[in-house]
Amino acid sequence: MAEHAIAAEGPRELPAKFSLPLVGDTLSFVRDPAGFLEKRAHELGPVFRISVFGKPTACFVGAEAFSILLDDGNVGRAGANPPHVEELFNPEAVPFLDGEAHRRRKRLLMQAFTPEALQGYLPILAQVIDRYATKWAKLGTFSWVPELNSMGFAIAAALFVGADPSKDDPRIESDFGAFADGLLSLPIRLPGTKFSRALEARNQLHLRIERALDEHTDRPSSNVLSRLFAARDGAEKLSRDELRIETFHFFGAYAAVIGGLSFLASCLGRDRKVMGGAREEVLREIPAGEPDLAAIRRLGYLDRVCKESRRVAPVLPITFFGKVKRDCHFHGIRIPAGHQAVGCIGATLVDEDTYPDAGRFNPDRWLHASDEQKRAWIPHGGGIHTEGHRCAGEALATLMLQMFAVRMLRRYDWTFPEGQDFSPTKGKIFATPVGDLRVRISLLAS
């Protein structure tokens, strides 16, 4: 257990600010979860209490505080999330499981993200990225975020439901937009509300996944769905229900990758020195031909660039919720059993106590990062990757960003018109730049 010394005068209660009766902090939280939690962390410290969705919630910021959340003896996940979130995803999805049920599911899911599996996904990534980049170079000045969103879901559809990577499926993109909006909505079941639209979109996506499962039986291919079908842990395999549940979960979680792409593109385009250094490394290490996984992993500077872009511009504000199973203590503060618990991803990644000059995009900070800084890099959650609640698809997300950068840096340059807002959107579960990244993309001179 992550137990910390209790002060001699006895434990203190979790610090908190005044909140409204009944609704608590829910309205402030859903309006701007990242900004709200960062402000509370600045005011109250690394552990504090808020009241959201009708329950007192312990919040954790920083590597040390996160260690309490990541200890399964302290915090459970089953039944811990707001009911509307579990309804939208499915309460049997891997983020909401505990114990051996979670470990079994995770062992099977991780087989879709081995190095061999990732190598097999590279042609899909390359085909879709190149298809879009060719179009972008002909558009003049345009808004990049909507295009990155479409590209991202074209890749997701090809990887997760076997869609044709040479075509787009706008319905998948629009349905997931409605689904994501529902995660931070109030669960009001009336026609036209965000939550009702999210439920309708979820149902349509379930039908698309069911069709993909049927199609896969006749035409297996090299994608994530094929790997999940083939996954075995002894005699164990994923049932059809589990395949449907986790395919939908991966789709939902994948939306964060699209935000990551937009902020990576923003960071590179706004820092010409970093862009030049990354391009020089790419052209030196991968001068021609199709890069394999080993070649991409040799790009140490690009890896630091991608890592820092995910730190300086967090996409996700929080982890999924948990529930405190037993009283815990953090530097004399008692965290009561029964409280909801949530990790503040955004507030941790931009914490000045952990990352000096945290608002500055500085890939070289990772050359001599401390152990605490490494542990606090939690864009996909923290803890043990293979068995804990850290995102199973983290390696694919990393590869997506790296492959996007490689394809773009080898052939294209991009610049942003002045006067636009690069800050993250508010009131979204997956942040992107507010100004939608007005950009001009051109082919590099041969």
Protein backbone atom coordinates (compact mmCIF):
# COMPACT_ATOMS: atom_id res chain seq x y z
CA MET A 1 0.00 0.00 0.00
CA ALA A 2 1.21 3.52 -0.78
CA GLU A 3 1.04 4.60 2.87
CA HIS A 4 2.58 7.90 3.91
CA ALA A 5 3.52 9.14 7.35
CA ILE A 6 0.69 10.67 9.37
CA ALA A 7 1.40 13.91 11.20
CA ALA A 8 1.66 13.67 15.00
CA GLU A 9 -1.50 15.71 15.55
CA GLY A 10 -3.53 13.17 13.58
CA PRO A 11 -4.73 13.04 10.00
CA ARG A 12 -6.23 16.07 8.29
CA GLU A 13 -9.24 15.89 6.00
CA LEU A 14 -8.88 16.26 2.26
CA PRO A 15 -8.66 19.96 1.41
CA ALA A 16 -11.62 21.27 -0.59
CA LYS A 17 -13.28 24.48 -1.74
CA PHE A 18 -16.91 25.45 -1.25
CA SER A 19 -19.22 23.76 -3.75
CA LEU A 20 -22.89 24.20 -4.55
CA PRO A 21 -25.51 22.05 -2.81
CA LEU A 22 -26.65 18.99 -4.79
CA VAL A 23 -24.73 19.71 -8.02
CA GLY A 24 -21.42 20.26 -6.19
CA ASP A 25 -18.60 21.04 -8.65
CA THR A 26 -20.16 19.18 -11.57
CA LEU A 27 -21.03 22.22 -13.69
CA SER A 28 -17.57 23.77 -13.33
CA PHE A 29 -15.98 20.39 -13.99
CA VAL A 30 -17.86 19.65 -17.23
CA ARG A 31 -17.34 23.22 -18.54
CA ASP A 32 -13.54 22.92 -18.35
CA PRO A 33 -12.25 19.77 -16.61
CA ALA A 34 -8.56 20.42 -17.28
CA GLY A 35 -8.61 24.07 -16.23
CA PHE A 36 -10.81 23.38 -13.20
CA LEU A 37 -8.53 20.63 -11.89
CA GLU A 38 -5.33 22.58 -12.56
CA LYS A 39 -6.75 25.54 -10.61
CA ARG A 40 -7.79 23.31 -7.72
CA ALA A 41 -4.35 21.65 -7.64
CA HIS A 42 -2.67 25.06 -7.53
CA GLU A 43 -4.95 26.15 -4.67
CA LEU A 44 -5.12 22.94 -2.63
CA GLY A 45 -2.06 20.82 -3.41
CA PRO A 46 -1.46 17.32 -4.81
CA VAL A 47 -4.45 15.65 -3.13
CA PHE A 48 -7.83 17.34 -2.71
CA ARG A 49 -11.55 16.74 -2.79
CA ILE A 50 -14.21 17.84 -5.25
CA SER A 51 -17.85 16.82 -5.61
CA VAL A 52 -18.87 15.65 -9.09
CA PHE A 53 -21.79 13.60 -10.39
CA GLY A 54 -23.21 13.48 -6.88
CA LYS A 55 -20.21 11.99 -5.07
CA PRO A 56 -17.18 13.22 -3.11
CA THR A 57 -14.10 12.59 -5.23
CA ALA A 58 -10.45 12.43 -4.19
CA CYS A 59 -8.15 13.91 -6.84
CA PHE A 60 -4.47 13.02 -7.25
CA VAL A 61 -1.78 15.16 -8.90
CA GLY A 62 1.88 14.19 -9.38
CA ALA A 63 3.82 10.94 -9.36
CA GLU A 64 3.81 10.49 -5.59
CA ALA A 65 0.08 11.06 -5.20
CA PHE A 66 -0.66 8.89 -8.25
CA SER A 67 1.05 5.97 -6.49
CA ILE A 68 -1.96 5.78 -4.15
CA LEU A 69 -4.40 5.66 -7.06
CA LEU A 70 -2.39 3.04 -8.94
CA ASP A 71 -2.27 0.59 -6.04
CA ASP A 72 -5.13 -1.86 -6.61
CA GLY A 73 -5.22 -2.51 -2.89
CA ASN A 74 -6.23 1.10 -2.37
CA VAL A 75 -8.49 1.82 -5.32
CA GLY A 76 -10.91 -0.40 -7.22
CA ARG A 77 -12.49 0.30 -10.62
CA ALA A 78 -15.57 -1.91 -10.78
CA GLY A 79 -18.73 0.19 -10.46
CA ALA A 80 -16.70 3.28 -9.64
CA ASN A 81 -17.36 5.48 -12.65
CA PRO A 82 -20.38 7.71 -13.10
CA PRO A 83 -23.21 5.45 -14.33
CA HIS A 84 -23.59 7.36 -17.60
CA VAL A 85 -19.90 6.83 -18.44
CA GLU A 86 -20.12 3.09 -17.81
CA GLU A 87 -23.34 2.91 -19.79
CA LEU A 88 -21.75 4.62 -22.78
CA PHE A 89 -18.63 2.42 -22.77
CA ASN A 90 -19.99 -0.77 -21.13
CA PRO A 91 -19.38 -1.69 -17.47
CA GLU A 92 -17.57 -4.86 -18.62
CA ALA A 93 -14.88 -2.96 -20.56
CA VAL A 94 -11.33 -3.46 -19.30
CA PRO A 95 -10.98 -0.03 -17.61
CA PHE A 96 -13.84 -0.98 -15.27
CA LEU A 97 -12.60 -4.43 -14.23
CA ASP A 98 -10.61 -5.50 -11.18
CA GLY A 99 -8.54 -8.45 -10.06
CA GLU A 100 -8.12 -11.57 -12.16
CA ALA A 101 -10.90 -10.57 -14.56
CA HIS A 102 -8.91 -7.44 -15.42
CA ARG A 103 -5.57 -9.27 -15.62
CA ARG A 104 -7.00 -11.96 -17.92
CA ARG A 105 -8.56 -9.40 -20.26
CA LYS A 106 -5.40 -7.28 -20.29
CA ARG A 107 -3.16 -10.27 -21.14
CA LEU A 108 -5.35 -11.02 -24.15
CA LEU A 109 -5.62 -7.41 -25.30
CA MET A 110 -1.89 -6.77 -25.11
CA GLN A 111 -1.34 -9.39 -27.83
CA ALA A 112 -2.69 -6.85 -30.32
CA PHE A 113 0.15 -4.44 -29.45
CA THR A 114 3.29 -6.57 -29.58
CA PRO A 115 6.21 -5.36 -31.75
CA GLU A 116 5.25 -7.93 -34.39
CA ALA A 117 1.66 -6.67 -34.40
CA LEU A 118 2.73 -3.03 -34.60
CA GLN A 119 4.99 -3.81 -37.53
CA GLY A 120 1.98 -5.25 -39.34
CA TYR A 121 -0.01 -2.04 -38.85
CA LEU A 122 2.60 0.23 -40.48
CA PRO A 123 1.33 -0.17 -44.06
CA ILE A 124 -2.15 0.94 -42.99
CA LEU A 125 -0.75 3.99 -41.19
CA ALA A 126 1.43 4.92 -44.15
CA GLN A 127 -1.35 4.54 -46.71
CA VAL A 128 -3.84 6.74 -44.88
CA ILE A 129 -1.31 9.41 -43.81
CA ASP A 130 0.08 9.69 -47.36
CA ARG A 131 -3.41 9.87 -48.86
CA TYR A 132 -4.31 12.80 -46.66
CA ALA A 133 -0.95 14.56 -46.93
CA THR A 134 -1.17 14.54 -50.73
CA LYS A 135 -4.55 16.26 -50.47
CA TRP A 136 -3.37 18.76 -47.84
CA ALA A 137 -0.50 20.03 -49.99
CA LYS A 138 -3.06 21.15 -52.60
CA LEU A 139 -5.46 22.98 -50.29
CA GLY A 140 -3.64 26.26 -49.67
CA THR A 141 -4.48 27.54 -46.18
CA PHE A 142 -6.99 25.33 -44.34
CA SER A 143 -8.05 24.16 -40.89
CA TRP A 144 -5.94 21.14 -39.98
CA VAL A 145 -7.76 19.81 -36.90
CA PRO A 146 -10.90 18.64 -38.77
CA GLU A 147 -8.65 17.00 -41.35
CA LEU A 148 -6.55 15.29 -38.69
CA ASN A 149 -9.76 14.10 -37.10
CA SER A 150 -10.91 12.56 -40.39
CA MET A 151 -7.50 11.02 -41.02
CA GLY A 152 -7.37 9.61 -37.50
CA PHE A 153 -10.73 7.93 -37.77
CA ALA A 154 -9.89 6.57 -41.23
CA ILE A 155 -6.90 4.86 -39.60
CA ALA A 156 -8.99 3.72 -36.63
CA ALA A 157 -11.67 2.27 -38.89
CA ALA A 158 -9.06 0.35 -40.89
CA LEU A 159 -7.33 -0.96 -37.77
CA PHE A 160 -10.32 -1.75 -35.57
CA VAL A 161 -13.11 -2.77 -37.96
CA GLY A 162 -11.21 -3.62 -41.14
CA ALA A 163 -12.45 -0.67 -43.21
CA ASP A 164 -10.81 0.09 -46.54
CA PRO A 165 -7.84 2.43 -45.82
CA SER A 166 -8.24 4.02 -49.27
CA LYS A 167 -11.65 5.43 -48.31
CA ASP A 168 -13.21 7.45 -45.50
CA ASP A 169 -16.22 6.55 -43.38
CA PRO A 170 -17.68 9.91 -42.25
CA ARG A 171 -20.42 8.19 -40.24
CA ILE A 172 -17.87 6.63 -37.87
CA GLU A 173 -16.24 10.01 -37.33
CA SER A 174 -19.52 11.83 -36.65
CA ASP A 175 -20.82 9.09 -34.36
CA PHE A 176 -17.69 9.15 -32.24
CA GLY A 177 -17.86 12.93 -32.04
CA ALA A 178 -21.36 12.63 -30.57
CA PHE A 179 -20.23 9.82 -28.28
CA ALA A 180 -17.29 11.85 -26.91
CA ASP A 181 -19.52 14.87 -26.27
CA GLY A 182 -21.76 12.66 -24.17
CA LEU A 183 -18.99 11.66 -21.76
CA LEU A 184 -18.89 15.12 -20.15
CA SER A 185 -22.60 15.80 -20.48
CA LEU A 186 -25.26 15.66 -17.82
CA PRO A 187 -27.07 12.30 -18.18
CA ILE A 188 -30.42 13.76 -19.26
CA ARG A 189 -32.46 11.31 -21.34
CA LEU A 190 -34.47 13.73 -23.43
CA PRO A 191 -34.52 13.95 -27.23
CA GLY A 192 -31.77 16.20 -28.55
CA THR A 193 -29.63 16.26 -25.40
CA LYS A 194 -25.93 15.46 -25.69
CA PHE A 195 -26.38 12.30 -23.66
CA SER A 196 -29.26 11.01 -25.79
CA ARG A 197 -27.31 11.74 -28.97
CA ALA A 198 -24.32 9.91 -27.49
CA LEU A 199 -26.44 6.83 -26.79
CA GLU A 200 -27.80 6.86 -30.34
CA ALA A 201 -24.28 7.20 -31.76
CA ARG A 202 -23.04 4.36 -29.55
CA ASN A 203 -25.77 2.09 -30.83
CA GLN A 204 -24.87 2.84 -34.44
CA LEU A 205 -21.21 2.12 -33.73
CA HIS A 206 -22.13 -1.16 -32.07
CA LEU A 207 -23.92 -2.17 -35.28
CA ARG A 208 -20.82 -1.29 -37.32
CA ILE A 209 -18.62 -3.37 -35.02
CA GLU A 210 -21.01 -6.32 -35.15
CA ARG A 211 -20.86 -6.18 -38.94
CA ALA A 212 -17.06 -6.12 -38.78
CA LEU A 213 -17.05 -9.18 -36.54
CA ASP A 214 -19.20 -11.05 -39.05
CA GLU A 215 -17.03 -9.93 -41.97
CA HIS A 216 -13.83 -10.90 -40.20
CA THR A 217 -14.97 -14.51 -39.88
CA ASP A 218 -14.93 -14.71 -43.69
CA ARG A 219 -11.98 -12.40 -44.44
CA PRO A 220 -9.38 -12.14 -41.65
CA SER A 221 -6.65 -9.56 -42.27
CA SER A 222 -3.69 -7.85 -40.62
CA ASN A 223 -5.28 -5.40 -38.22
CA VAL A 224 -6.07 -5.00 -34.53
CA LEU A 225 -9.34 -6.91 -34.83
CA SER A 226 -7.54 -9.90 -36.36
CA ARG A 227 -5.02 -9.88 -33.53
CA LEU A 228 -7.80 -9.79 -30.96
CA PHE A 229 -9.56 -12.71 -32.65
CA ALA A 230 -6.31 -14.70 -32.54
CA ALA A 231 -5.32 -13.77 -28.97
CA ARG A 232 -4.90 -16.75 -26.63
CA ASP A 233 -3.90 -17.11 -22.99
CA GLY A 234 -3.68 -20.85 -22.58
CA ALA A 235 -7.20 -22.04 -23.34
CA GLU A 236 -8.61 -18.54 -22.83
CA LYS A 237 -9.73 -16.32 -25.70
CA LEU A 238 -11.95 -13.28 -26.09
CA SER A 239 -15.64 -14.01 -26.50
CA ARG A 240 -17.68 -12.24 -29.17
CA ASP A 241 -19.14 -9.94 -26.51
CA GLU A 242 -15.65 -9.13 -25.26
CA LEU A 243 -14.45 -8.46 -28.81
CA ARG A 244 -17.33 -6.05 -29.36
CA ILE A 245 -16.87 -4.33 -26.00
CA GLU A 246 -13.11 -3.85 -26.38
CA THR A 247 -13.23 -2.84 -30.03
CA PHE A 248 -15.62 -0.08 -29.05
CA HIS A 249 -13.44 0.83 -26.05
CA PHE A 250 -10.36 1.10 -28.30
CA PHE A 251 -12.27 3.32 -30.71
CA GLY A 252 -13.31 5.59 -27.85
CA ALA A 253 -9.84 5.76 -26.33
CA TYR A 254 -8.28 6.30 -29.77
CA ALA A 255 -9.87 9.74 -30.05
CA ALA A 256 -7.17 10.96 -27.66
CA VAL A 257 -4.54 10.03 -30.26
CA ILE A 258 -6.10 12.49 -32.70
CA GLY A 259 -5.70 15.27 -30.16
CA GLY A 260 -2.09 14.16 -29.73
CA LEU A 261 -1.52 14.42 -33.48
CA SER A 262 -2.87 17.96 -33.56
CA PHE A 263 -0.66 19.16 -30.72
CA LEU A 264 2.42 17.41 -32.17
CA ALA A 265 1.79 19.17 -35.49
CA SER A 266 1.33 22.44 -33.60
CA CYS A 267 4.52 22.07 -31.55
CA LEU A 268 6.64 21.21 -34.60
CA GLY A 269 5.24 23.95 -36.81
CA ARG A 270 5.67 26.64 -34.14
CA ASP A 271 9.26 25.69 -33.24
CA ARG A 272 11.30 25.73 -36.43
CA LYS A 273 14.48 24.71 -34.63
CA VAL A 274 12.88 21.56 -33.25
CA MET A 275 11.25 20.82 -36.59
CA GLY A 276 14.62 21.18 -38.32
CA GLY A 277 16.34 18.88 -35.83
CA ALA A 278 13.63 16.25 -36.13
CA ARG A 279 13.66 16.43 -39.93
CA GLU A 280 17.45 16.13 -40.04
CA GLU A 281 17.31 12.98 -37.89
CA VAL A 282 14.54 11.43 -39.99
CA LEU A 283 16.35 12.08 -43.29
CA ARG A 284 19.61 10.76 -41.85
CA GLU A 285 18.22 7.58 -40.28
CA ILE A 286 15.47 6.82 -42.84
CA PRO A 287 16.65 8.44 -46.10
CA ALA A 288 14.38 6.37 -48.36
CA GLY A 289 12.02 3.45 -48.49
CA GLU A 290 9.35 2.34 -46.06
CA PRO A 291 10.47 2.57 -42.42
CA ASP A 292 10.10 -0.49 -40.26
CA LEU A 293 9.51 -0.48 -36.53
CA ALA A 294 13.21 -0.87 -35.73
CA ALA A 295 14.09 2.18 -37.84
CA ILE A 296 11.41 4.32 -36.20
CA ARG A 297 12.64 3.31 -32.76
CA ARG A 298 16.14 4.56 -33.63
CA LEU A 299 14.78 8.10 -33.85
CA GLY A 300 15.71 9.21 -30.33
CA TYR A 301 15.19 12.93 -30.86
CA LEU A 302 11.81 12.43 -32.54
CA ASP A 303 10.78 10.21 -29.65
CA ARG A 304 11.58 13.04 -27.22
CA VAL A 305 9.67 15.50 -29.42
CA CYS A 306 6.57 13.29 -29.44
CA LYS A 307 6.86 12.67 -25.71
CA GLU A 308 7.20 16.35 -24.89
CA SER A 309 4.29 17.35 -27.14
CA ARG A 310 2.06 15.00 -25.14
CA ARG A 311 3.33 16.52 -21.90
CA VAL A 312 3.15 20.22 -22.68
CA ALA A 313 -0.31 19.96 -24.29
CA PRO A 314 -2.28 17.23 -22.48
CA VAL A 315 -5.23 15.84 -24.41
CA LEU A 316 -6.98 14.00 -21.56
CA PRO A 317 -7.74 15.80 -18.29
CA ILE A 318 -8.33 12.72 -16.12
CA THR A 319 -8.13 8.96 -15.78
CA PHE A 320 -11.25 6.87 -15.47
CA PHE A 321 -12.72 7.02 -11.97
CA GLY A 322 -11.96 4.55 -9.20
CA LYS A 323 -13.31 4.00 -5.70
CA VAL A 324 -11.18 4.18 -2.55
CA LYS A 325 -11.36 0.74 -0.92
CA ARG A 326 -9.66 1.56 2.39
CA ASP A 327 -8.51 4.66 4.25
CA CYS A 328 -5.22 5.92 2.80
CA HIS A 329 -2.93 8.71 3.92
CA PHE A 330 -0.78 11.19 2.04
CA HIS A 331 1.53 13.40 4.11
CA GLY A 332 -0.93 13.56 6.98
CA ILE A 333 -4.06 13.87 4.84
CA ARG A 334 -6.66 11.12 5.12
CA ILE A 335 -8.27 9.82 1.94
CA PRO A 336 -11.46 8.12 3.17
CA ALA A 337 -12.71 4.75 2.00
CA GLY A 338 -15.80 5.13 -0.16
CA HIS A 339 -14.75 8.30 -1.97
CA GLN A 340 -14.52 8.31 -5.75
CA ALA A 341 -10.91 8.67 -6.92
CA VAL A 342 -9.51 10.16 -10.10
CA GLY A 343 -6.03 10.90 -11.40
CA CYS A 344 -5.52 14.40 -12.80
CA ILE A 345 -3.54 13.68 -15.97
CA GLY A 346 -3.37 17.22 -17.31
CA ALA A 347 -2.52 18.84 -13.99
CA THR A 348 0.25 16.28 -13.43
CA LEU A 349 1.85 16.78 -16.86
CA VAL A 350 2.05 20.56 -16.47
CA ASP A 351 2.92 20.62 -12.75
CA GLU A 352 5.66 23.20 -12.17
CA ASP A 353 6.96 21.36 -9.10
CA THR A 354 7.69 18.34 -11.30
CA TYR A 355 8.57 20.02 -14.59
CA PRO A 356 10.23 23.44 -14.17
CA ASP A 357 9.05 25.89 -16.84
CA ALA A 358 6.31 23.37 -17.53
CA GLY A 359 4.58 25.50 -20.16
CA ARG A 360 7.64 25.48 -22.44
CA PHE A 361 7.93 22.88 -25.19
CA ASN A 362 11.41 21.50 -24.56
CA PRO A 363 12.15 17.99 -25.90
CA ASP A 364 15.65 18.10 -24.40
CA ARG A 365 14.23 18.03 -20.86
CA TRP A 366 13.96 14.25 -21.38
CA LEU A 367 17.71 13.84 -21.87
CA HIS A 368 18.30 14.09 -18.11
CA ALA A 369 14.82 13.51 -16.71
CA SER A 370 14.58 12.53 -13.04
CA ASP A 371 12.83 9.37 -11.91
CA GLU A 372 9.96 11.50 -10.62
CA GLN A 373 9.57 13.21 -14.00
CA LYS A 374 9.54 9.86 -15.77
CA ARG A 375 6.90 8.49 -13.38
CA ALA A 376 4.82 11.66 -13.77
CA TRP A 377 4.62 11.25 -17.55
CA ILE A 378 1.19 9.69 -17.54
CA PRO A 379 -0.73 10.73 -20.71
CA HIS A 380 -2.08 7.17 -20.89
CA GLY A 381 -2.33 6.60 -17.16
CA GLY A 382 0.50 5.26 -15.04
CA GLY A 383 1.61 2.05 -13.42
CA ILE A 384 2.39 -1.38 -14.83
CA HIS A 385 1.60 -1.49 -18.52
CA THR A 386 1.11 -5.22 -19.00
CA GLU A 387 -1.26 -5.86 -16.10
CA GLY A 388 -2.24 -2.51 -14.58
CA HIS A 389 -4.80 0.04 -15.72
CA ARG A 390 -2.39 1.87 -18.02
CA CYS A 391 -3.81 2.05 -21.56
CA ALA A 392 -3.25 -1.18 -23.50
CA GLY A 393 -2.92 0.75 -26.77
CA GLU A 394 -0.20 3.15 -25.62
CA ALA A 395 2.42 1.64 -27.94
CA LEU A 396 0.09 2.07 -30.92
CA ALA A 397 -0.58 5.69 -29.95
CA THR A 398 3.16 6.35 -29.76
CA LEU A 399 3.71 4.71 -33.14
CA MET A 400 0.90 6.75 -34.67
CA LEU A 401 2.54 10.02 -33.64
CA GLN A 402 5.99 8.90 -34.74
CA MET A 403 4.81 7.57 -38.10
CA PHE A 404 2.84 10.75 -38.78
CA ALA A 405 5.92 12.86 -38.03
CA VAL A 406 8.18 10.67 -40.19
CA ARG A 407 5.87 10.79 -43.21
CA MET A 408 5.30 14.55 -42.92
CA LEU A 409 8.88 15.60 -42.14
CA ARG A 410 10.36 13.60 -45.01
CA ARG A 411 8.23 15.28 -47.68
CA TYR A 412 6.45 18.35 -46.34
CA ASP A 413 6.82 21.65 -44.55
CA TRP A 414 4.03 23.52 -42.76
CA THR A 415 3.53 27.00 -41.36
CA PHE A 416 0.75 28.63 -39.37
CA PRO A 417 -0.75 32.06 -40.13
CA GLU A 418 -0.33 34.52 -37.29
CA GLY A 419 -3.08 35.52 -34.91
CA GLN A 420 -4.62 32.13 -34.14
CA ASP A 421 -5.21 30.49 -30.77
CA PHE A 422 -3.12 27.37 -30.13
CA SER A 423 -4.42 26.76 -26.60
CA PRO A 424 -6.46 23.60 -25.88
CA THR A 425 -10.22 23.53 -26.16
CA LYS A 426 -12.30 23.62 -22.97
CA GLY A 427 -15.27 21.47 -22.10
CA LYS A 428 -14.00 18.58 -24.20
CA ILE A 429 -12.87 15.18 -22.97
CA PHE A 430 -10.32 15.12 -25.82
CA ALA A 431 -8.65 18.51 -26.29
CA THR A 432 -7.45 19.98 -29.59
CA PRO A 433 -6.15 23.50 -30.42
CA VAL A 434 -8.90 26.13 -30.11
CA GLY A 435 -8.11 27.77 -33.46
CA ASP A 436 -8.36 24.45 -35.36
CA LEU A 437 -4.76 24.93 -36.60
CA ARG A 438 -5.04 27.13 -39.64
CA VAL A 439 -2.09 25.87 -41.71
CA ARG A 440 -0.39 25.90 -45.08
CA ILE A 441 1.39 22.70 -46.14
CA SER A 442 3.86 22.48 -49.04
CA LEU A 443 6.10 19.87 -50.59
CA LEU A 444 9.78 20.13 -49.69
CA ALA A 445 12.12 21.01 -52.55
CA SER A 446 13.76 17.90 -53.97
